[in-house]
Amino acid sequence: MDNEKIQRQMEFIIDQQAKFVVDIAKLDERLDRVDGQIERNNQTIERATQHILDLTDAMLSLTAFAQKHEGGIADLVKQSKETDAKLKETDERLNVLISIVESSIGRKN
């Protein structure tokens, strides 16, 4: 090989190396941006996970609260039905008493 041909090959190799260096630098920049985005995504996922855990705790607390008061509500419904039955019985007795008083008054007139 003559000197000129070797010189051209060396320039070609140097030119290719320079292009590789530029391409690698661009890839490094992109990788840095991707790493930053991954970190932001991880932080978002961590916050979302914490929110989900907080909501789960709140739901469990509400469920426990509802279960705790469910028996009390059932008792109140039962007492309300018993009160309704007693009021109905009282109404019937009052009606009988009113009839007795009315007929007693009617006899005196």
PDB file of N, CA and C in Angstrom:
ATOM      1  N   MET A   1       0.837  -1.174   0.000  1.00  0.00           N
ATOM      2  CA  MET A   1       0.000   0.000   0.000  1.00  0.00           C
ATOM      3  C   MET A   1       0.889   1.247   0.000  1.00  0.00           C
ATOM      4  N   ASP A   2       0.389   2.183  -0.722  1.00  0.00           N
ATOM      5  CA  ASP A   2       1.166   3.412  -0.743  1.00  0.00           C
ATOM      6  C   ASP A   2       0.711   4.322   0.396  1.00  0.00           C
ATOM      7  N   ASN A   3       1.508   5.312   0.631  1.00  0.00           N
ATOM      8  CA  ASN A   3       1.277   6.232   1.743  1.00  0.00           C
ATOM      9  C   ASN A   3      -0.058   6.948   1.634  1.00  0.00           C
ATOM     10  N   GLU A   4      -0.441   7.349   0.466  1.00  0.00           N
ATOM     11  CA  GLU A   4      -1.698   8.077   0.259  1.00  0.00           C
ATOM     12  C   GLU A   4      -2.897   7.205   0.610  1.00  0.00           C
ATOM     13  N   LYS A   5      -2.852   5.958   0.187  1.00  0.00           N
ATOM     14  CA  LYS A   5      -3.951   5.034   0.481  1.00  0.00           C
ATOM     15  C   LYS A   5      -4.042   4.786   1.989  1.00  0.00           C
ATOM     16  N   ILE A   6      -2.928   4.615   2.643  1.00  0.00           N
ATOM     17  CA  ILE A   6      -2.905   4.404   4.091  1.00  0.00           C
ATOM     18  C   ILE A   6      -3.439   5.655   4.793  1.00  0.00           C
ATOM     19  N   GLN A   7      -3.031   6.819   4.281  1.00  0.00           N
ATOM     20  CA  GLN A   7      -3.498   8.087   4.858  1.00  0.00           C
ATOM     21  C   GLN A   7      -5.014   8.196   4.755  1.00  0.00           C
ATOM     22  N   ARG A   8      -5.595   7.841   3.576  1.00  0.00           N
ATOM     23  CA  ARG A   8      -7.051   7.897   3.384  1.00  0.00           C
ATOM     24  C   ARG A   8      -7.757   6.926   4.334  1.00  0.00           C
ATOM     25  N   GLN A   9      -7.208   5.734   4.487  1.00  0.00           N
ATOM     26  CA  GLN A   9      -7.810   4.752   5.394  1.00  0.00           C
ATOM     27  C   GLN A   9      -7.763   5.240   6.840  1.00  0.00           C
ATOM     28  N   MET A  10      -6.652   5.845   7.200  1.00  0.00           N
ATOM     29  CA  MET A  10      -6.527   6.384   8.564  1.00  0.00           C
ATOM     30  C   MET A  10      -7.534   7.518   8.779  1.00  0.00           C
ATOM     31  N   GLU A  11      -7.701   8.395   7.803  1.00  0.00           N
ATOM     32  CA  GLU A  11      -8.676   9.482   7.901  1.00  0.00           C
ATOM     33  C   GLU A  11     -10.098   8.910   7.999  1.00  0.00           C
ATOM     34  N   PHE A  12     -10.371   7.870   7.228  1.00  0.00           N
ATOM     35  CA  PHE A  12     -11.682   7.223   7.284  1.00  0.00           C
ATOM     36  C   PHE A  12     -11.934   6.655   8.678  1.00  0.00           C
ATOM     37  N   ILE A  13     -10.925   5.974   9.205  1.00  0.00           N
ATOM     38  CA  ILE A  13     -11.066   5.371  10.536  1.00  0.00           C
ATOM     39  C   ILE A  13     -11.242   6.461  11.593  1.00  0.00           C
ATOM     40  N   ILE A  14     -10.465   7.528  11.485  1.00  0.00           N
ATOM     41  CA  ILE A  14     -10.572   8.631  12.443  1.00  0.00           C
ATOM     42  C   ILE A  14     -11.952   9.280  12.333  1.00  0.00           C
ATOM     43  N   ASP A  15     -12.424   9.470  11.091  1.00  0.00           N
ATOM     44  CA  ASP A  15     -13.752  10.050  10.869  1.00  0.00           C
ATOM     45  C   ASP A  15     -14.835   9.159  11.484  1.00  0.00           C
ATOM     46  N   GLN A  16     -14.738   7.857  11.300  1.00  0.00           N
ATOM     47  CA  GLN A  16     -15.700   6.914  11.869  1.00  0.00           C
ATOM     48  C   GLN A  16     -15.650   6.947  13.391  1.00  0.00           C
ATOM     49  N   GLN A  17     -14.448   7.000  13.937  1.00  0.00           N
ATOM     50  CA  GLN A  17     -14.297   7.076  15.397  1.00  0.00           C
ATOM     51  C   GLN A  17     -14.957   8.354  15.927  1.00  0.00           C
ATOM     52  N   ALA A  18     -14.786   9.460  15.219  1.00  0.00           N
ATOM     53  CA  ALA A  18     -15.386  10.724  15.646  1.00  0.00           C
ATOM     54  C   ALA A  18     -16.906  10.609  15.623  1.00  0.00           C
ATOM     55  N   LYS A  19     -17.438   9.997  14.564  1.00  0.00           N
ATOM     56  CA  LYS A  19     -18.894   9.796  14.491  1.00  0.00           C
ATOM     57  C   LYS A  19     -19.377   8.907  15.633  1.00  0.00           C
ATOM     58  N   PHE A  20     -18.623   7.858  15.938  1.00  0.00           N
ATOM     59  CA  PHE A  20     -18.990   6.971  17.047  1.00  0.00           C
ATOM     60  C   PHE A  20     -18.999   7.731  18.367  1.00  0.00           C
ATOM     61  N   VAL A  21     -17.989   8.598  18.550  1.00  0.00           N
ATOM     62  CA  VAL A  21     -17.906   9.374  19.790  1.00  0.00           C
ATOM     63  C   VAL A  21     -19.138  10.278  19.914  1.00  0.00           C
ATOM     64  N   VAL A  22     -19.541  10.939  18.823  1.00  0.00           N
ATOM     65  CA  VAL A  22     -20.719  11.802  18.830  1.00  0.00           C
ATOM     66  C   VAL A  22     -21.971  10.981  19.102  1.00  0.00           C
ATOM     67  N   ASP A  23     -22.096   9.833  18.411  1.00  0.00           N
ATOM     68  CA  ASP A  23     -23.267   8.973  18.623  1.00  0.00           C
ATOM     69  C   ASP A  23     -23.338   8.479  20.065  1.00  0.00           C
ATOM     70  N   ILE A  24     -22.212   8.097  20.625  1.00  0.00           N
ATOM     71  CA  ILE A  24     -22.186   7.613  22.017  1.00  0.00           C
ATOM     72  C   ILE A  24     -22.557   8.750  22.972  1.00  0.00           C
ATOM     73  N   ALA A  25     -22.089   9.960  22.685  1.00  0.00           N
ATOM     74  CA  ALA A  25     -22.439  11.111  23.535  1.00  0.00           C
ATOM     75  C   ALA A  25     -23.947  11.358  23.480  1.00  0.00           C
ATOM     76  N   LYS A  26     -24.532  11.277  22.288  1.00  0.00           N
ATOM     77  CA  LYS A  26     -25.979  11.450  22.157  1.00  0.00           C
ATOM     78  C   LYS A  26     -26.719  10.357  22.921  1.00  0.00           C
ATOM     79  N   LEU A  27     -26.227   9.130  22.796  1.00  0.00           N
ATOM     80  CA  LEU A  27     -26.863   8.025  23.521  1.00  0.00           C
ATOM     81  C   LEU A  27     -26.752   8.221  25.035  1.00  0.00           C
ATOM     82  N   ASP A  28     -25.603   8.722  25.493  1.00  0.00           N
ATOM     83  CA  ASP A  28     -25.440   8.998  26.923  1.00  0.00           C
ATOM     84  C   ASP A  28     -26.443  10.051  27.394  1.00  0.00           C
ATOM     85  N   GLU A  29     -26.651  11.098  26.578  1.00  0.00           N
ATOM     86  CA  GLU A  29     -27.624  12.129  26.933  1.00  0.00           C
ATOM     87  C   GLU A  29     -29.035  11.542  27.010  1.00  0.00           C
ATOM     88  N   ARG A  30     -29.372  10.727  26.026  1.00  0.00           N
ATOM     89  CA  ARG A  30     -30.701  10.098  26.033  1.00  0.00           C
ATOM     90  C   ARG A  30     -30.844   9.184  27.241  1.00  0.00           C
ATOM     91  N   LEU A  31     -29.793   8.446  27.543  1.00  0.00           N
ATOM     92  CA  LEU A  31     -29.835   7.544  28.692  1.00  0.00           C
ATOM     93  C   LEU A  31     -30.028   8.330  29.985  1.00  0.00           C
ATOM     94  N   ASP A  32     -29.358   9.476  30.095  1.00  0.00           N
ATOM     95  CA  ASP A  32     -29.538  10.315  31.282  1.00  0.00           C
ATOM     96  C   ASP A  32     -30.986  10.792  31.387  1.00  0.00           C
ATOM     97  N   ARG A  33     -31.598  11.203  30.256  1.00  0.00           N
ATOM     98  CA  ARG A  33     -32.995  11.634  30.277  1.00  0.00           C
ATOM     99  C   ARG A  33     -33.920  10.477  30.664  1.00  0.00           C
ATOM    100  N   VAL A  34     -33.635   9.300  30.108  1.00  0.00           N
ATOM    101  CA  VAL A  34     -34.453   8.120  30.427  1.00  0.00           C
ATOM    102  C   VAL A  34     -34.304   7.770  31.906  1.00  0.00           C
ATOM    103  N   ASP A  35     -33.086   7.832  32.431  1.00  0.00           N
ATOM    104  CA  ASP A  35     -32.877   7.562  33.858  1.00  0.00           C
ATOM    105  C   ASP A  35     -33.657   8.546  34.721  1.00  0.00           C
ATOM    106  N   GLY A  36     -33.666   9.825  34.311  1.00  0.00           N
ATOM    107  CA  GLY A  36     -34.421  10.835  35.055  1.00  0.00           C
ATOM    108  C   GLY A  36     -35.916  10.542  35.014  1.00  0.00           C
ATOM    109  N   GLN A  37     -36.399  10.152  33.847  1.00  0.00           N
ATOM    110  CA  GLN A  37     -37.821   9.836  33.713  1.00  0.00           C
ATOM    111  C   GLN A  37     -38.178   8.605  34.539  1.00  0.00           C
ATOM    112  N   ILE A  38     -37.311   7.625  34.535  1.00  0.00           N
ATOM    113  CA  ILE A  38     -37.554   6.420  35.349  1.00  0.00           C
ATOM    114  C   ILE A  38     -37.622   6.797  36.830  1.00  0.00           C
ATOM    115  N   GLU A  39     -36.725   7.671  37.268  1.00  0.00           N
ATOM    116  CA  GLU A  39     -36.733   8.096  38.672  1.00  0.00           C
ATOM    117  C   GLU A  39     -38.032   8.832  39.006  1.00  0.00           C
ATOM    118  N   ARG A  40     -38.476   9.725  38.109  1.00  0.00           N
ATOM    119  CA  ARG A  40     -39.744  10.437  38.337  1.00  0.00           C
ATOM    120  C   ARG A  40     -40.911   9.453  38.362  1.00  0.00           C
ATOM    121  N   ASN A  41     -40.888   8.482  37.465  1.00  0.00           N
ATOM    122  CA  ASN A  41     -41.953   7.462  37.447  1.00  0.00           C
ATOM    123  C   ASN A  41     -41.960   6.662  38.736  1.00  0.00           C
ATOM    124  N   ASN A  42     -40.785   6.299  39.225  1.00  0.00           N
ATOM    125  CA  ASN A  42     -40.707   5.549  40.486  1.00  0.00           C
ATOM    126  C   ASN A  42     -41.278   6.362  41.640  1.00  0.00           C
ATOM    127  N   GLN A  43     -40.992   7.661  41.671  1.00  0.00           N
ATOM    128  CA  GLN A  43     -41.537   8.520  42.725  1.00  0.00           C
ATOM    129  C   GLN A  43     -43.053   8.605  42.621  1.00  0.00           C
ATOM    130  N   THR A  44     -43.550   8.714  41.398  1.00  0.00           N
ATOM    131  CA  THR A  44     -45.002   8.759  41.196  1.00  0.00           C
ATOM    132  C   THR A  44     -45.644   7.452  41.652  1.00  0.00           C
ATOM    133  N   ILE A  45     -45.014   6.343  41.327  1.00  0.00           N
ATOM    134  CA  ILE A  45     -45.537   5.030  41.736  1.00  0.00           C
ATOM    135  C   ILE A  45     -45.527   4.908  43.257  1.00  0.00           C
ATOM    136  N   GLU A  46     -44.465   5.390  43.887  1.00  0.00           N
ATOM    137  CA  GLU A  46     -44.396   5.332  45.349  1.00  0.00           C
ATOM    138  C   GLU A  46     -45.516   6.168  45.982  1.00  0.00           C
ATOM    139  N   ARG A  47     -45.743   7.379  45.432  1.00  0.00           N
ATOM    140  CA  ARG A  47     -46.830   8.211  45.972  1.00  0.00           C
ATOM    141  C   ARG A  47     -48.183   7.545  45.751  1.00  0.00           C
ATOM    142  N   ALA A  48     -48.395   6.990  44.561  1.00  0.00           N
ATOM    143  CA  ALA A  48     -49.666   6.324  44.263  1.00  0.00           C
ATOM    144  C   ALA A  48     -49.863   5.124  45.185  1.00  0.00           C
ATOM    145  N   THR A  49     -48.799   4.379  45.418  1.00  0.00           N
ATOM    146  CA  THR A  49     -48.878   3.214  46.305  1.00  0.00           C
ATOM    147  C   THR A  49     -49.257   3.658  47.719  1.00  0.00           C
ATOM    148  N   GLN A  50     -48.658   4.766  48.178  1.00  0.00           N
ATOM    149  CA  GLN A  50     -48.986   5.264  49.516  1.00  0.00           C
ATOM    150  C   GLN A  50     -50.441   5.714  49.577  1.00  0.00           C
ATOM    151  N   HIS A  51     -50.913   6.359  48.518  1.00  0.00           N
ATOM    152  CA  HIS A  51     -52.318   6.765  48.488  1.00  0.00           C
ATOM    153  C   HIS A  51     -53.238   5.544  48.538  1.00  0.00           C
ATOM    154  N   ILE A  52     -52.876   4.506  47.814  1.00  0.00           N
ATOM    155  CA  ILE A  52     -53.680   3.278  47.806  1.00  0.00           C
ATOM    156  C   ILE A  52     -53.696   2.657  49.203  1.00  0.00           C
ATOM    157  N   LEU A  53     -52.548   2.637  49.847  1.00  0.00           N
ATOM    158  CA  LEU A  53     -52.484   2.090  51.213  1.00  0.00           C
ATOM    159  C   LEU A  53     -53.334   2.934  52.168  1.00  0.00           C
ATOM    160  N   ASP A  54     -53.265   4.257  52.026  1.00  0.00           N
ATOM    161  CA  ASP A  54     -54.081   5.131  52.881  1.00  0.00           C
ATOM    162  C   ASP A  54     -55.569   4.889  52.641  1.00  0.00           C
ATOM    163  N   LEU A  55     -55.956   4.770  51.365  1.00  0.00           N
ATOM    164  CA  LEU A  55     -57.361   4.504  51.047  1.00  0.00           C
ATOM    165  C   LEU A  55     -57.809   3.146  51.572  1.00  0.00           C
ATOM    166  N   THR A  56     -56.932   2.170  51.479  1.00  0.00           N
ATOM    167  CA  THR A  56     -57.253   0.838  51.994  1.00  0.00           C
ATOM    168  C   THR A  56     -57.483   0.904  53.501  1.00  0.00           C
ATOM    169  N   ASP A  57     -56.602   1.617  54.212  1.00  0.00           N
ATOM    170  CA  ASP A  57     -56.773   1.782  55.668  1.00  0.00           C
ATOM    171  C   ASP A  57     -58.094   2.472  55.988  1.00  0.00           C
ATOM    172  N   ALA A  58     -58.418   3.513  55.216  1.00  0.00           N
ATOM    173  CA  ALA A  58     -59.672   4.241  55.451  1.00  0.00           C
ATOM    174  C   ALA A  58     -60.868   3.329  55.213  1.00  0.00           C
ATOM    175  N   MET A  59     -60.818   2.545  54.153  1.00  0.00           N
ATOM    176  CA  MET A  59     -61.932   1.631  53.861  1.00  0.00           C
ATOM    177  C   MET A  59     -62.078   0.581  54.958  1.00  0.00           C
ATOM    178  N   LEU A  60     -60.964   0.059  55.432  1.00  0.00           N
ATOM    179  CA  LEU A  60     -61.031  -0.921  56.518  1.00  0.00           C
ATOM    180  C   LEU A  60     -61.614  -0.292  57.786  1.00  0.00           C
ATOM    181  N   SER A  61     -61.228   0.944  58.067  1.00  0.00           N
ATOM    182  CA  SER A  61     -61.768   1.640  59.240  1.00  0.00           C
ATOM    183  C   SER A  61     -63.271   1.859  59.087  1.00  0.00           C
ATOM    184  N   LEU A  62     -63.684   2.288  57.906  1.00  0.00           N
ATOM    185  CA  LEU A  62     -65.115   2.496  57.670  1.00  0.00           C
ATOM    186  C   LEU A  62     -65.896   1.189  57.771  1.00  0.00           C
ATOM    187  N   THR A  63     -65.325   0.123  57.254  1.00  0.00           N
ATOM    188  CA  THR A  63     -65.980  -1.183  57.333  1.00  0.00           C
ATOM    189  C   THR A  63     -66.122  -1.615  58.790  1.00  0.00           C
ATOM    190  N   ALA A  64     -65.061  -1.429  59.571  1.00  0.00           N
ATOM    191  CA  ALA A  64     -65.120  -1.785  60.999  1.00  0.00           C
ATOM    192  C   ALA A  64     -66.157  -0.929  61.721  1.00  0.00           C
ATOM    193  N   PHE A  65     -66.192   0.349  61.376  1.00  0.00           N
ATOM    194  CA  PHE A  65     -67.178   1.265  61.982  1.00  0.00           C
ATOM    195  C   PHE A  65     -68.592   0.813  61.649  1.00  0.00           C
ATOM    196  N   ALA A  66     -68.827   0.473  60.390  1.00  0.00           N
ATOM    197  CA  ALA A  66     -70.163   0.030  59.963  1.00  0.00           C
ATOM    198  C   ALA A  66     -70.551  -1.274  60.661  1.00  0.00           C
ATOM    199  N   GLN A  67     -69.607  -2.196  60.760  1.00  0.00           N
ATOM    200  CA  GLN A  67     -69.899  -3.466  61.425  1.00  0.00           C
ATOM    201  C   GLN A  67     -70.191  -3.250  62.910  1.00  0.00           C
ATOM    202  N   LYS A  68     -69.460  -2.326  63.527  1.00  0.00           N
ATOM    203  CA  LYS A  68     -69.658  -2.035  64.946  1.00  0.00           C
ATOM    204  C   LYS A  68     -71.069  -1.504  65.187  1.00  0.00           C
ATOM    205  N   HIS A  69     -71.555  -0.647  64.307  1.00  0.00           N
ATOM    206  CA  HIS A  69     -72.849  -0.019  64.510  1.00  0.00           C
ATOM    207  C   HIS A  69     -74.012  -0.793  63.896  1.00  0.00           C
ATOM    208  N   GLU A  70     -73.687  -1.801  63.133  1.00  0.00           N
ATOM    209  CA  GLU A  70     -74.739  -2.600  62.491  1.00  0.00           C
ATOM    210  C   GLU A  70     -75.642  -3.257  63.532  1.00  0.00           C
ATOM    211  N   GLY A  71     -75.033  -3.810  64.583  1.00  0.00           N
ATOM    212  CA  GLY A  71     -75.830  -4.441  65.647  1.00  0.00           C
ATOM    213  C   GLY A  71     -76.704  -3.432  66.366  1.00  0.00           C
ATOM    214  N   GLY A  72     -76.157  -2.250  66.628  1.00  0.00           N
ATOM    215  CA  GLY A  72     -76.929  -1.200  67.289  1.00  0.00           C
ATOM    216  C   GLY A  72     -78.120  -0.764  66.449  1.00  0.00           C
ATOM    217  N   ILE A  73     -77.920  -0.660  65.158  1.00  0.00           N
ATOM    218  CA  ILE A  73     -79.009  -0.276  64.263  1.00  0.00           C
ATOM    219  C   ILE A  73     -80.079  -1.360  64.243  1.00  0.00           C
ATOM    220  N   ALA A  74     -79.662  -2.613  64.222  1.00  0.00           N
ATOM    221  CA  ALA A  74     -80.629  -3.719  64.241  1.00  0.00           C
ATOM    222  C   ALA A  74     -81.445  -3.682  65.529  1.00  0.00           C
ATOM    223  N   ASP A  75     -80.793  -3.376  66.645  1.00  0.00           N
ATOM    224  CA  ASP A  75     -81.517  -3.266  67.926  1.00  0.00           C
ATOM    225  C   ASP A  75     -82.533  -2.125  67.874  1.00  0.00           C
ATOM    226  N   LEU A  76     -82.134  -1.004  67.300  1.00  0.00           N
ATOM    227  CA  LEU A  76     -83.062   0.130  67.200  1.00  0.00           C
ATOM    228  C   LEU A  76     -84.265  -0.207  66.325  1.00  0.00           C
ATOM    229  N   VAL A  77     -84.040  -0.911  65.241  1.00  0.00           N
ATOM    230  CA  VAL A  77     -85.150  -1.326  64.370  1.00  0.00           C
ATOM    231  C   VAL A  77     -86.089  -2.244  65.141  1.00  0.00           C
ATOM    232  N   LYS A  78     -85.525  -3.183  65.908  1.00  0.00           N
ATOM    233  CA  LYS A  78     -86.341  -4.111  66.697  1.00  0.00           C
ATOM    234  C   LYS A  78     -87.156  -3.342  67.740  1.00  0.00           C
ATOM    235  N   GLN A  79     -86.507  -2.410  68.434  1.00  0.00           N
ATOM    236  CA  GLN A  79     -87.212  -1.614  69.442  1.00  0.00           C
ATOM    237  C   GLN A  79     -88.310  -0.763  68.804  1.00  0.00           C
ATOM    238  N   SER A  80     -88.049  -0.245  67.627  1.00  0.00           N
ATOM    239  CA  SER A  80     -89.052   0.554  66.924  1.00  0.00           C
ATOM    240  C   SER A  80     -90.281  -0.290  66.594  1.00  0.00           C
ATOM    241  N   LYS A  81     -90.059  -1.513  66.147  1.00  0.00           N
ATOM    242  CA  LYS A  81     -91.181  -2.411  65.844  1.00  0.00           C
ATOM    243  C   LYS A  81     -91.959  -2.741  67.112  1.00  0.00           C
ATOM    244  N   GLU A  82     -91.250  -2.973  68.209  1.00  0.00           N
ATOM    245  CA  GLU A  82     -91.920  -3.262  69.481  1.00  0.00           C
ATOM    246  C   GLU A  82     -92.729  -2.054  69.945  1.00  0.00           C
ATOM    247  N   THR A  83     -92.173  -0.860  69.791  1.00  0.00           N
ATOM    248  CA  THR A  83     -92.883   0.362  70.164  1.00  0.00           C
ATOM    249  C   THR A  83     -94.133   0.530  69.316  1.00  0.00           C
ATOM    250  N   ASP A  84     -94.016   0.265  68.018  1.00  0.00           N
ATOM    251  CA  ASP A  84     -95.191   0.352  67.139  1.00  0.00           C
ATOM    252  C   ASP A  84     -96.286  -0.607  67.596  1.00  0.00           C
ATOM    253  N   ALA A  85     -95.889  -1.832  67.957  1.00  0.00           N
ATOM    254  CA  ALA A  85     -96.880  -2.816  68.417  1.00  0.00           C
ATOM    255  C   ALA A  85     -97.534  -2.350  69.715  1.00  0.00           C
ATOM    256  N   LYS A  86     -96.754  -1.801  70.644  1.00  0.00           N
ATOM    257  CA  LYS A  86     -97.300  -1.314  71.912  1.00  0.00           C
ATOM    258  C   LYS A  86     -98.228  -0.126  71.695  1.00  0.00           C
ATOM    259  N   LEU A  87     -97.852   0.772  70.777  1.00  0.00           N
ATOM    260  CA  LEU A  87     -98.726   1.914  70.479  1.00  0.00           C
ATOM    261  C   LEU A  87    -100.043   1.454  69.865  1.00  0.00           C
ATOM    262  N   LYS A  88     -99.982   0.449  69.011  1.00  0.00           N
ATOM    263  CA  LYS A  88    -101.207  -0.086  68.410  1.00  0.00           C
ATOM    264  C   LYS A  88    -102.097  -0.674  69.503  1.00  0.00           C
ATOM    265  N   GLU A  89    -101.496  -1.414  70.419  1.00  0.00           N
ATOM    266  CA  GLU A  89    -102.254  -2.005  71.538  1.00  0.00           C
ATOM    267  C   GLU A  89    -102.850  -0.911  72.409  1.00  0.00           C
ATOM    268  N   THR A  90    -102.080   0.138  72.660  1.00  0.00           N
ATOM    269  CA  THR A  90    -102.579   1.267  73.472  1.00  0.00           C
ATOM    270  C   THR A  90    -103.742   1.956  72.769  1.00  0.00           C
ATOM    271  N   ASP A  91    -103.627   2.140  71.447  1.00  0.00           N
ATOM    272  CA  ASP A  91    -104.730   2.738  70.681  1.00  0.00           C
ATOM    273  C   ASP A  91    -105.999   1.908  70.814  1.00  0.00           C
ATOM    274  N   GLU A  92    -105.844   0.584  70.736  1.00  0.00           N
ATOM    275  CA  GLU A  92    -107.009  -0.293  70.851  1.00  0.00           C
ATOM    276  C   GLU A  92    -107.640  -0.164  72.239  1.00  0.00           C
ATOM    277  N   ARG A  93    -106.837  -0.110  73.279  1.00  0.00           N
ATOM    278  CA  ARG A  93    -107.352   0.026  74.644  1.00  0.00           C
ATOM    279  C   ARG A  93    -108.045   1.374  74.843  1.00  0.00           C
ATOM    280  N   LEU A  94    -107.420   2.432  74.275  1.00  0.00           N
ATOM    281  CA  LEU A  94    -108.035   3.749  74.372  1.00  0.00           C
ATOM    282  C   LEU A  94    -109.389   3.770  73.667  1.00  0.00           C
ATOM    283  N   ASN A  95    -109.462   3.126  72.515  1.00  0.00           N
ATOM    284  CA  ASN A  95    -110.734   3.065  71.786  1.00  0.00           C
ATOM    285  C   ASN A  95    -111.794   2.345  72.620  1.00  0.00           C
ATOM    286  N   VAL A  96    -111.400   1.265  73.299  1.00  0.00           N
ATOM    287  CA  VAL A  96    -112.347   0.539  74.164  1.00  0.00           C
ATOM    288  C   VAL A  96    -112.781   1.442  75.313  1.00  0.00           C
ATOM    289  N   LEU A  97    -111.825   2.143  75.930  1.00  0.00           N
ATOM    290  CA  LEU A  97    -112.138   3.036  77.040  1.00  0.00           C
ATOM    291  C   LEU A  97    -113.071   4.164  76.584  1.00  0.00           C
ATOM    292  N   ILE A  98    -112.761   4.716  75.408  1.00  0.00           N
ATOM    293  CA  ILE A  98    -113.615   5.786  74.870  1.00  0.00           C
ATOM    294  C   ILE A  98    -115.030   5.258  74.643  1.00  0.00           C
ATOM    295  N   SER A  99    -115.146   4.063  74.120  1.00  0.00           N
ATOM    296  CA  SER A  99    -116.476   3.473  73.897  1.00  0.00           C
ATOM    297  C   SER A  99    -117.212   3.310  75.214  1.00  0.00           C
ATOM    298  N   ILE A 100    -116.512   2.833  76.265  1.00  0.00           N
ATOM    299  CA  ILE A 100    -117.142   2.639  77.574  1.00  0.00           C
ATOM    300  C   ILE A 100    -117.602   3.986  78.135  1.00  0.00           C
ATOM    301  N   VAL A 101    -116.717   4.990  78.051  1.00  0.00           N
ATOM    302  CA  VAL A 101    -117.068   6.316  78.582  1.00  0.00           C
ATOM    303  C   VAL A 101    -118.236   6.889  77.805  1.00  0.00           C
ATOM    304  N   GLU A 102    -118.217   6.768  76.477  1.00  0.00           N
ATOM    305  CA  GLU A 102    -119.303   7.305  75.661  1.00  0.00           C
ATOM    306  C   GLU A 102    -120.621   6.619  75.979  1.00  0.00           C
ATOM    307  N   SER A 103    -120.588   5.284  76.147  1.00  0.00           N
ATOM    308  CA  SER A 103    -121.850   4.603  76.450  1.00  0.00           C
ATOM    309  C   SER A 103    -122.305   4.915  77.865  1.00  0.00           C
ATOM    310  N   SER A 104    -121.367   5.147  78.785  1.00  0.00           N
ATOM    311  CA  SER A 104    -121.734   5.517  80.145  1.00  0.00           C
ATOM    312  C   SER A 104    -122.365   6.905  80.149  1.00  0.00           C
ATOM    313  N   ILE A 105    -121.807   7.806  79.386  1.00  0.00           N
ATOM    314  CA  ILE A 105    -122.352   9.156  79.293  1.00  0.00           C
ATOM    315  C   ILE A 105    -123.742   9.095  78.632  1.00  0.00           C
ATOM    316  N   GLY A 106    -123.865   8.261  77.617  1.00  0.00           N
ATOM    317  CA  GLY A 106    -125.140   8.119  76.925  1.00  0.00           C
ATOM    318  C   GLY A 106    -126.229   7.581  77.822  1.00  0.00           C
ATOM    319  N   ARG A 107    -125.930   6.733  78.785  1.00  0.00           N
ATOM    320  CA  ARG A 107    -126.916   6.175  79.704  1.00  0.00           C
ATOM    321  C   ARG A 107    -127.379   7.225  80.716  1.00  0.00           C
ATOM    322  N   LYS A 108    -126.484   8.127  81.078  1.00  0.00           N
ATOM    323  CA  LYS A 108    -126.834   9.146  82.073  1.00  0.00           C
ATOM    324  C   LYS A 108    -127.716  10.213  81.457  1.00  0.00           C
ATOM    325  N   ASN A 109    -127.684  10.371  80.180  1.00  0.00           N
ATOM    326  CA  ASN A 109    -128.513  11.411  79.537  1.00  0.00           C
ATOM    327  C   ASN A 109    -129.876  10.926  79.287  1.00  0.00           C
TER     328      ASN A 109
END
